[in-house]
Amino acid sequence: MKKKDISVIIVVAVVSAVVSYFLSGVLISSAVDRKQAVETVEPIVAGFTEPDKRYFNQTSVNPTQTIVISPETNPNPFKN
């Protein structure tokens, strides 16, 4: 290698180091930018609160009841 080649390699390395330093500062976020506020969660308690009486009372519709459309008299409905 000639002295000219070595000096060109050194100049290219220095320029690329300076450019990469400034580009990394722009592209990679700083520690201040990486902080984020989060919501706090209320702890789970073992107790159970009573449901609202407007919706859960004696006159409300009970969705867990079995619905019978008509009485089934055929013991083998799929056998013909």
N, C-alpha and C. Protein backbone atom coordinates (compact mmCIF):
# COMPACT_ATOMS: atom_id res chain seq x y z
N MET A 1 0.84 -1.18 0.00
CA MET A 1 0.00 0.00 0.00
C MET A 1 0.88 1.24 0.00
N LYS A 2 0.35 2.23 -0.62
CA LYS A 2 1.08 3.50 -0.65
C LYS A 2 0.63 4.36 0.51
N LYS A 3 1.39 5.38 0.80
CA LYS A 3 1.04 6.31 1.87
C LYS A 3 -0.26 7.05 1.53
N LYS A 4 -0.49 7.25 0.26
CA LYS A 4 -1.72 7.91 -0.18
C LYS A 4 -2.94 7.07 0.19
N ASP A 5 -2.85 5.78 -0.01
CA ASP A 5 -3.96 4.88 0.29
C ASP A 5 -4.26 4.84 1.79
N ILE A 6 -3.24 4.83 2.60
CA ILE A 6 -3.42 4.81 4.05
C ILE A 6 -4.08 6.10 4.52
N SER A 7 -3.69 7.22 3.99
CA SER A 7 -4.28 8.50 4.39
C SER A 7 -5.74 8.58 3.96
N VAL A 8 -6.08 8.03 2.79
CA VAL A 8 -7.48 8.03 2.33
C VAL A 8 -8.32 7.14 3.24
N ILE A 9 -7.78 5.99 3.63
CA ILE A 9 -8.51 5.09 4.54
C ILE A 9 -8.74 5.76 5.88
N ILE A 10 -7.75 6.45 6.40
CA ILE A 10 -7.88 7.14 7.69
C ILE A 10 -8.92 8.25 7.59
N VAL A 11 -8.92 9.02 6.51
CA VAL A 11 -9.89 10.11 6.34
C VAL A 11 -11.31 9.55 6.23
N VAL A 12 -11.48 8.47 5.46
CA VAL A 12 -12.79 7.85 5.32
C VAL A 12 -13.28 7.30 6.66
N ALA A 13 -12.40 6.69 7.44
CA ALA A 13 -12.78 6.15 8.75
C ALA A 13 -13.19 7.26 9.71
N VAL A 14 -12.46 8.37 9.70
CA VAL A 14 -12.79 9.49 10.60
C VAL A 14 -14.12 10.11 10.19
N VAL A 15 -14.32 10.33 8.90
CA VAL A 15 -15.57 10.93 8.43
C VAL A 15 -16.75 10.01 8.73
N SER A 16 -16.58 8.72 8.49
CA SER A 16 -17.69 7.80 8.77
C SER A 16 -17.97 7.70 10.27
N ALA A 17 -16.95 7.82 11.11
CA ALA A 17 -17.17 7.80 12.56
C ALA A 17 -17.95 9.02 13.01
N VAL A 18 -17.60 10.19 12.47
CA VAL A 18 -18.31 11.43 12.84
C VAL A 18 -19.76 11.38 12.35
N VAL A 19 -19.97 10.93 11.13
CA VAL A 19 -21.33 10.84 10.58
C VAL A 19 -22.15 9.83 11.37
N SER A 20 -21.60 8.69 11.70
CA SER A 20 -22.36 7.68 12.46
C SER A 20 -22.65 8.17 13.88
N TYR A 21 -21.78 8.95 14.46
CA TYR A 21 -22.03 9.50 15.80
C TYR A 21 -23.25 10.41 15.78
N PHE A 22 -23.32 11.31 14.81
CA PHE A 22 -24.44 12.23 14.76
C PHE A 22 -25.73 11.54 14.31
N LEU A 23 -25.65 10.58 13.41
CA LEU A 23 -26.84 9.85 13.00
C LEU A 23 -27.38 8.98 14.13
N SER A 24 -26.52 8.41 14.93
CA SER A 24 -27.00 7.60 16.05
C SER A 24 -27.71 8.48 17.09
N GLY A 25 -27.25 9.72 17.24
CA GLY A 25 -27.92 10.63 18.16
C GLY A 25 -29.31 11.01 17.67
N VAL A 26 -29.49 11.05 16.36
CA VAL A 26 -30.79 11.40 15.79
C VAL A 26 -31.72 10.19 15.77
N LEU A 27 -31.22 9.04 15.39
CA LEU A 27 -32.07 7.87 15.19
C LEU A 27 -32.38 7.10 16.47
N ILE A 28 -31.45 7.00 17.37
CA ILE A 28 -31.65 6.26 18.61
C ILE A 28 -32.17 7.22 19.66
N SER A 29 -33.26 6.85 20.32
CA SER A 29 -33.87 7.75 21.30
C SER A 29 -33.01 7.84 22.56
N SER A 30 -33.14 8.97 23.22
CA SER A 30 -32.38 9.18 24.45
C SER A 30 -33.11 8.56 25.63
N ALA A 31 -32.47 8.56 26.79
CA ALA A 31 -33.08 7.95 27.98
C ALA A 31 -34.31 8.73 28.42
N VAL A 32 -34.33 10.02 28.19
CA VAL A 32 -35.49 10.84 28.57
C VAL A 32 -36.69 10.48 27.70
N ASP A 33 -36.47 10.22 26.42
CA ASP A 33 -37.56 9.88 25.51
C ASP A 33 -38.10 8.48 25.76
N ARG A 34 -37.34 7.60 26.35
CA ARG A 34 -37.77 6.22 26.58
C ARG A 34 -38.65 6.06 27.80
N LYS A 35 -38.75 7.07 28.64
CA LYS A 35 -39.59 6.97 29.84
C LYS A 35 -41.04 7.22 29.45
N GLN A 36 -41.93 6.43 30.05
CA GLN A 36 -43.34 6.54 29.74
C GLN A 36 -44.15 6.38 31.02
N ALA A 37 -45.18 7.20 31.15
CA ALA A 37 -46.05 7.11 32.32
C ALA A 37 -47.06 6.00 32.11
N VAL A 38 -47.35 5.25 33.16
CA VAL A 38 -48.33 4.17 33.09
C VAL A 38 -49.39 4.37 34.16
N GLU A 39 -50.54 3.77 33.92
CA GLU A 39 -51.62 3.86 34.89
C GLU A 39 -51.38 2.87 36.04
N THR A 40 -51.84 3.24 37.21
CA THR A 40 -51.73 2.32 38.33
C THR A 40 -53.01 1.49 38.41
N VAL A 41 -52.88 0.27 38.87
CA VAL A 41 -54.01 -0.65 38.93
C VAL A 41 -54.42 -0.81 40.39
N GLU A 42 -55.73 -0.83 40.60
CA GLU A 42 -56.22 -1.04 41.96
C GLU A 42 -56.04 -2.50 42.33
N PRO A 43 -55.69 -2.79 43.58
CA PRO A 43 -55.49 -4.19 43.97
C PRO A 43 -56.82 -4.94 44.00
N ILE A 44 -56.74 -6.24 43.77
CA ILE A 44 -57.92 -7.10 43.80
C ILE A 44 -58.25 -7.42 45.25
N VAL A 45 -59.51 -7.29 45.59
CA VAL A 45 -59.94 -7.58 46.96
C VAL A 45 -60.71 -8.89 46.98
N ALA A 46 -60.75 -9.54 48.12
CA ALA A 46 -61.41 -10.84 48.24
C ALA A 46 -62.92 -10.70 48.39
N GLY A 47 -63.41 -9.54 48.80
CA GLY A 47 -64.84 -9.35 49.01
C GLY A 47 -65.60 -9.19 47.71
N PHE A 48 -66.92 -9.39 47.77
CA PHE A 48 -67.78 -9.27 46.60
C PHE A 48 -68.85 -8.24 46.91
N THR A 49 -69.00 -7.27 46.06
CA THR A 49 -70.03 -6.26 46.27
C THR A 49 -71.34 -6.74 45.68
N GLU A 50 -72.43 -6.36 46.28
CA GLU A 50 -73.75 -6.75 45.80
C GLU A 50 -74.04 -6.04 44.47
N PRO A 51 -74.66 -6.77 43.52
CA PRO A 51 -74.99 -6.13 42.25
C PRO A 51 -76.10 -5.11 42.41
N ASP A 52 -76.25 -4.26 41.41
CA ASP A 52 -77.24 -3.19 41.44
C ASP A 52 -78.65 -3.79 41.43
N LYS A 53 -79.49 -3.34 42.34
CA LYS A 53 -80.86 -3.87 42.47
C LYS A 53 -81.76 -3.43 41.31
N ARG A 54 -81.36 -2.43 40.56
CA ARG A 54 -82.16 -2.03 39.40
C ARG A 54 -82.16 -3.11 38.33
N TYR A 55 -81.07 -3.84 38.23
CA TYR A 55 -80.94 -4.84 37.18
C TYR A 55 -81.11 -6.27 37.70
N PHE A 56 -80.72 -6.51 38.92
CA PHE A 56 -80.77 -7.85 39.49
C PHE A 56 -81.80 -7.86 40.62
N ASN A 57 -83.03 -8.18 40.29
CA ASN A 57 -84.09 -8.25 41.29
C ASN A 57 -85.00 -9.43 40.97
N GLN A 58 -86.10 -9.59 41.72
CA GLN A 58 -86.98 -10.75 41.56
C GLN A 58 -87.77 -10.70 40.25
N THR A 59 -88.00 -9.52 39.68
CA THR A 59 -88.79 -9.42 38.45
C THR A 59 -87.93 -9.41 37.19
N SER A 60 -86.64 -9.54 37.33
CA SER A 60 -85.75 -9.53 36.16
C SER A 60 -85.84 -10.84 35.40
N VAL A 61 -85.47 -10.82 34.13
CA VAL A 61 -85.45 -12.01 33.30
C VAL A 61 -84.24 -12.85 33.71
N ASN A 62 -84.45 -14.14 33.90
CA ASN A 62 -83.37 -15.04 34.28
C ASN A 62 -82.86 -15.74 33.01
N PRO A 63 -81.69 -15.38 32.50
CA PRO A 63 -81.21 -15.99 31.25
C PRO A 63 -80.70 -17.42 31.43
N THR A 64 -80.62 -17.92 32.66
CA THR A 64 -80.10 -19.27 32.87
C THR A 64 -81.18 -20.33 32.89
N GLN A 65 -82.44 -19.94 32.75
CA GLN A 65 -83.52 -20.92 32.75
C GLN A 65 -83.53 -21.68 31.43
N THR A 66 -83.90 -22.95 31.50
CA THR A 66 -83.99 -23.78 30.31
C THR A 66 -85.24 -23.40 29.54
N ILE A 67 -85.08 -23.22 28.24
CA ILE A 67 -86.21 -22.85 27.39
C ILE A 67 -86.69 -24.11 26.68
N VAL A 68 -87.96 -24.42 26.83
CA VAL A 68 -88.56 -25.57 26.18
C VAL A 68 -89.56 -25.04 25.16
N ILE A 69 -89.34 -25.33 23.90
CA ILE A 69 -90.24 -24.84 22.85
C ILE A 69 -91.50 -25.70 22.79
N SER A 70 -91.35 -26.98 22.77
CA SER A 70 -92.50 -27.89 22.82
C SER A 70 -92.05 -29.19 23.47
N PRO A 71 -92.95 -29.91 24.09
CA PRO A 71 -92.54 -31.18 24.70
C PRO A 71 -92.19 -32.21 23.63
N GLU A 72 -91.14 -32.93 23.84
CA GLU A 72 -90.66 -33.94 22.88
C GLU A 72 -91.26 -35.28 23.25
N THR A 73 -92.03 -35.86 22.33
CA THR A 73 -92.66 -37.14 22.59
C THR A 73 -91.99 -38.28 21.83
N ASN A 74 -91.20 -37.96 20.85
CA ASN A 74 -90.55 -38.97 20.05
C ASN A 74 -89.24 -39.38 20.73
N PRO A 75 -89.06 -40.66 21.13
CA PRO A 75 -87.82 -41.05 21.80
C PRO A 75 -86.63 -41.14 20.84
N ASN A 76 -86.85 -41.38 19.55
CA ASN A 76 -85.79 -41.43 18.55
C ASN A 76 -86.08 -40.39 17.46
N PRO A 77 -85.71 -39.18 17.62
CA PRO A 77 -86.09 -38.17 16.65
C PRO A 77 -85.34 -38.30 15.33
N PHE A 78 -84.18 -38.92 15.29
CA PHE A 78 -83.40 -39.00 14.06
C PHE A 78 -83.51 -40.37 13.38
N LYS A 79 -84.30 -41.25 13.92
CA LYS A 79 -84.48 -42.55 13.31
C LYS A 79 -85.81 -42.54 12.55
N ASN A 80 -85.75 -42.79 11.29
CA ASN A 80 -86.97 -42.78 10.51
C ASN A 80 -87.18 -44.15 9.91
